[in-house]
Amino acid sequence: MTMPEQDTDTMQALRALEDSRSSVRLRAALALGTTPDPGFIATLVERCAVEPEFSVREILTWALTRHPAAITVPQLLGELRSERAQARSQALHTLSKIRDRQAWPAITRALLSDADDEVARSAWRAAVALVPDGEEPGLAAVLSTQLGRGEREMQLSLSRALIALGEVILPPLRTAMADLDPRVRGHAIATERLLRDPDAGFEFAVEEAKRVVALGRTGQEG
């Protein structure tokens, strides 16, 4: 009995996800997303955890978004408990693209403060995408505990996540502006400046925050 052509193509695409050539893996992920089938989901999720190329991971995420959320989301939630940082970060990234609110309870404080920077950044973006109406102040309070973390790109990611929540971030920002750690104070001031004037740019806001911290002010004055 001859296997149907589509089944043969599918099996080849699934095997190709492990090819040593990234171009082959990318085409395979594209094929599996173009013709979605619930039977692909587990393999796509597993590959997300180990795929070394960013561009291929993006197509894997796209392929997963093409499948039913009712099946995909539970499997992604299981990845959030993985010991592998990439499994957690890529699952969070994919959940932020699917935007299914059933994932919200799984975005825990532990993930939002994960020791791995990529996991934490992915958690911030996912949380902002999934937060239910009315939960924004609580999320802002948790995110504000990460102010001052990391280098410029990390801090910009957090500022963007906070700003996406809107005016509810002002109370925790003002608290952080009085923190004993100058990095926390500076990051809080820069974020508040960027909220007030998005066109100013993060670099300008950071430099202004440094000046304010150096002068020993909280940045709440005009």
Protein backbone atom coordinates (compact mmCIF):
# COMPACT_ATOMS: atom_id res chain seq x y z
CA MET A 1 0.00 0.00 0.00
CA THR A 2 1.43 3.36 -1.04
CA MET A 3 1.45 6.13 1.58
CA PRO A 4 -0.54 9.21 0.46
CA GLU A 5 1.68 11.96 -0.98
CA GLN A 6 0.66 14.49 1.69
CA ASP A 7 1.53 12.04 4.48
CA THR A 8 4.92 11.41 2.88
CA ASP A 9 5.59 15.14 2.61
CA THR A 10 4.56 15.63 6.23
CA MET A 11 6.87 12.90 7.50
CA GLN A 12 9.72 14.39 5.50
CA ALA A 13 9.03 17.84 6.96
CA LEU A 14 8.95 16.47 10.51
CA ARG A 15 12.28 14.71 9.97
CA ALA A 16 13.71 17.84 8.32
CA LEU A 17 13.22 19.79 11.56
CA GLU A 18 16.34 18.00 12.82
CA ASP A 19 18.45 18.63 9.70
CA SER A 20 21.86 20.19 10.31
CA ARG A 21 21.08 22.97 7.80
CA SER A 22 19.04 25.85 9.19
CA SER A 23 17.56 26.62 5.76
CA VAL A 24 16.12 23.09 5.59
CA ARG A 25 14.71 23.35 9.11
CA LEU A 26 13.13 26.70 8.27
CA ARG A 27 11.42 25.32 5.17
CA ALA A 28 10.18 22.34 7.17
CA ALA A 29 8.65 24.57 9.86
CA LEU A 30 7.05 26.70 7.16
CA ALA A 31 5.55 23.61 5.54
CA LEU A 32 4.13 22.35 8.84
CA GLY A 33 2.51 25.71 9.49
CA THR A 34 1.14 25.97 5.98
CA THR A 35 -0.74 22.69 6.38
CA PRO A 36 -1.55 22.63 10.11
CA ASP A 37 -2.41 19.36 11.80
CA PRO A 38 -2.83 18.78 15.57
CA GLY A 39 -0.46 15.86 15.21
CA PHE A 40 2.38 18.31 14.53
CA ILE A 41 2.01 20.31 17.73
CA ALA A 42 4.08 18.17 20.09
CA THR A 43 6.98 18.00 17.64
CA LEU A 44 6.89 21.75 16.99
CA VAL A 45 6.86 22.50 20.72
CA GLU A 46 9.74 20.11 21.36
CA ARG A 47 11.77 21.67 18.55
CA CYS A 48 11.24 25.17 19.96
CA ALA A 49 13.14 24.09 23.07
CA VAL A 50 16.31 23.15 21.20
CA GLU A 51 16.32 25.07 17.89
CA PRO A 52 19.50 27.21 17.82
CA GLU A 53 18.54 29.66 15.04
CA PHE A 54 16.36 32.65 15.89
CA SER A 55 14.78 32.83 12.42
CA VAL A 56 13.77 29.16 12.58
CA ARG A 57 12.33 29.60 16.06
CA GLU A 58 10.19 32.45 14.75
CA ILE A 59 8.75 30.21 12.04
CA LEU A 60 8.16 27.45 14.58
CA THR A 61 6.19 29.94 16.66
CA TRP A 62 4.25 31.02 13.59
CA ALA A 63 3.50 27.37 12.77
CA LEU A 64 2.15 26.83 16.29
CA THR A 65 -0.11 29.88 16.02
CA ARG A 66 -1.69 28.22 12.98
CA HIS A 67 -2.96 25.36 15.10
CA PRO A 68 -6.00 25.33 17.45
CA ALA A 69 -5.22 27.20 20.66
CA ALA A 70 -7.29 24.72 22.66
CA ILE A 71 -4.66 22.07 21.87
CA THR A 72 -1.54 24.20 21.52
CA VAL A 73 -1.80 26.31 24.68
CA PRO A 74 -1.88 23.40 27.19
CA GLN A 75 1.25 21.91 25.63
CA LEU A 76 3.02 25.28 25.77
CA LEU A 77 2.03 25.72 29.40
CA GLY A 78 3.77 22.45 30.18
CA GLU A 79 6.99 23.92 28.78
CA LEU A 80 6.90 26.73 31.35
CA ARG A 81 7.96 24.17 33.96
CA SER A 82 10.93 22.98 31.91
CA GLU A 83 14.44 23.19 33.33
CA ARG A 84 15.63 24.30 29.90
CA ALA A 85 15.57 28.11 29.71
CA GLN A 86 14.97 28.17 25.95
CA ALA A 87 11.92 25.94 26.36
CA ARG A 88 10.45 28.41 28.85
CA SER A 89 11.31 31.54 26.87
CA GLN A 90 10.08 30.23 23.52
CA ALA A 91 6.85 28.93 25.03
CA LEU A 92 6.23 32.33 26.59
CA HIS A 93 7.01 34.03 23.28
CA THR A 94 4.55 31.78 21.47
CA LEU A 95 1.85 32.32 24.10
CA SER A 96 2.26 36.08 23.64
CA LYS A 97 1.53 35.61 19.94
CA ILE A 98 -1.47 33.32 20.46
CA ARG A 99 -2.95 35.71 23.05
CA ASP A 100 -5.25 33.16 24.64
CA ARG A 101 -6.23 34.44 28.09
CA GLN A 102 -6.39 30.93 29.55
CA ALA A 103 -2.60 31.16 29.76
CA TRP A 104 -2.63 34.16 32.10
CA PRO A 105 -2.58 32.25 35.42
CA ALA A 106 0.59 30.48 34.31
CA ILE A 107 2.52 33.77 34.00
CA THR A 108 3.80 33.61 37.54
CA ARG A 109 5.98 35.96 39.58
CA ALA A 110 8.70 33.31 39.31
CA LEU A 111 8.69 33.59 35.51
CA LEU A 112 8.51 37.39 35.59
CA SER A 113 11.64 37.39 37.73
CA ASP A 114 13.32 34.35 36.16
CA ALA A 115 17.10 34.29 36.58
CA ASP A 116 17.50 33.83 32.82
CA ASP A 117 17.20 37.20 31.08
CA GLU A 118 15.54 35.84 27.93
CA VAL A 119 12.93 33.99 29.96
CA ALA A 120 12.17 37.09 32.00
CA ARG A 121 11.92 39.31 28.91
CA SER A 122 9.59 36.82 27.23
CA ALA A 123 7.50 36.63 30.39
CA TRP A 124 7.17 40.42 30.52
CA ARG A 125 5.93 40.56 26.93
CA ALA A 126 3.56 37.63 27.44
CA ALA A 127 2.15 39.13 30.63
CA VAL A 128 1.40 42.45 28.94
CA ALA A 129 -0.27 40.63 26.04
CA LEU A 130 -2.40 38.41 28.28
CA VAL A 131 -3.22 40.51 31.35
CA PRO A 132 -6.99 40.61 31.97
CA ASP A 133 -8.78 43.91 32.45
CA GLY A 134 -8.35 45.11 36.01
CA GLU A 135 -5.19 43.11 36.66
CA GLU A 136 -2.82 45.75 35.27
CA PRO A 137 -1.96 47.43 38.60
CA GLY A 138 -0.90 44.12 40.13
CA LEU A 139 1.21 43.28 37.11
CA ALA A 140 2.80 46.74 37.19
CA ALA A 141 3.73 46.20 40.84
CA VAL A 142 5.44 42.89 40.05
CA LEU A 143 7.23 44.22 36.98
CA SER A 144 8.52 47.21 38.94
CA THR A 145 10.50 44.82 41.17
CA GLN A 146 12.71 44.19 38.13
CA LEU A 147 13.68 47.84 37.63
CA GLY A 148 17.44 48.28 37.40
CA ARG A 149 18.00 44.76 36.15
CA GLY A 150 20.50 44.05 33.40
CA GLU A 151 22.06 46.24 30.74
CA ARG A 152 20.47 48.74 28.35
CA GLU A 153 18.51 46.30 26.14
CA MET A 154 17.13 44.45 29.14
CA GLN A 155 16.04 47.67 30.78
CA LEU A 156 14.45 48.92 27.56
CA SER A 157 12.42 45.70 27.33
CA LEU A 158 11.09 46.22 30.84
CA SER A 159 10.33 49.88 30.22
CA ARG A 160 8.36 48.98 27.09
CA ALA A 161 6.39 46.34 28.98
CA LEU A 162 5.57 48.77 31.77
CA ILE A 163 4.62 51.60 29.42
CA ALA A 164 2.25 49.28 27.57
CA LEU A 165 0.24 49.08 30.81
CA GLY A 166 -0.35 52.84 30.85
CA GLU A 167 -0.84 55.22 33.76
CA VAL A 168 -1.22 52.38 36.31
CA ILE A 169 2.57 52.15 36.40
CA LEU A 170 3.01 55.57 37.99
CA PRO A 171 2.55 54.57 41.67
CA PRO A 172 5.16 51.77 41.59
CA LEU A 173 7.48 53.96 39.51
CA ARG A 174 7.30 56.74 42.06
CA THR A 175 8.10 54.27 44.83
CA ALA A 176 11.08 53.02 42.83
CA MET A 177 12.30 56.59 42.31
CA ALA A 178 13.09 56.67 46.03
CA ASP A 179 14.92 53.33 46.05
CA LEU A 180 18.35 53.21 47.64
CA ASP A 181 19.83 51.59 44.52
CA PRO A 182 20.76 54.27 41.96
CA ARG A 183 20.21 51.79 39.10
CA VAL A 184 16.63 51.23 40.22
CA ARG A 185 16.06 54.97 40.66
CA GLY A 186 17.53 55.78 37.27
CA HIS A 187 15.56 53.11 35.45
CA ALA A 188 12.32 54.22 37.12
CA ILE A 189 12.93 57.86 36.19
CA ALA A 190 13.79 56.94 32.59
CA THR A 191 10.63 54.85 32.30
CA GLU A 192 8.47 57.63 33.69
CA ARG A 193 10.07 60.12 31.27
CA LEU A 194 9.41 57.76 28.37
CA LEU A 195 5.79 57.30 29.43
CA ARG A 196 5.30 61.07 29.42
CA ASP A 197 7.19 61.64 26.16
CA PRO A 198 7.42 58.49 23.98
CA ASP A 199 9.06 60.47 21.17
CA ALA A 200 12.05 61.35 23.35
CA GLY A 201 13.56 57.88 22.97
CA PHE A 202 15.01 55.60 25.62
CA GLU A 203 18.61 56.83 25.27
CA PHE A 204 17.56 60.41 25.98
CA ALA A 205 15.40 59.29 28.89
CA VAL A 206 18.28 57.30 30.39
CA GLU A 207 20.73 60.18 30.09
CA GLU A 208 18.24 62.56 31.68
CA ALA A 209 17.62 60.02 34.45
CA LYS A 210 21.36 59.77 35.13
CA ARG A 211 21.53 63.54 35.50
CA VAL A 212 18.56 63.56 37.88
CA VAL A 213 20.04 60.76 40.01
CA ALA A 214 23.40 62.53 40.11
CA LEU A 215 21.68 65.68 41.37
CA GLY A 216 20.00 63.65 44.08
CA ARG A 217 16.42 64.35 43.01
CA THR A 218 13.60 61.83 42.45
CA GLY A 219 12.64 63.12 39.04
CA GLN A 220 9.11 64.01 40.15
CA GLU A 221 9.68 67.72 39.86
CA GLY A 222 8.78 69.57 36.72
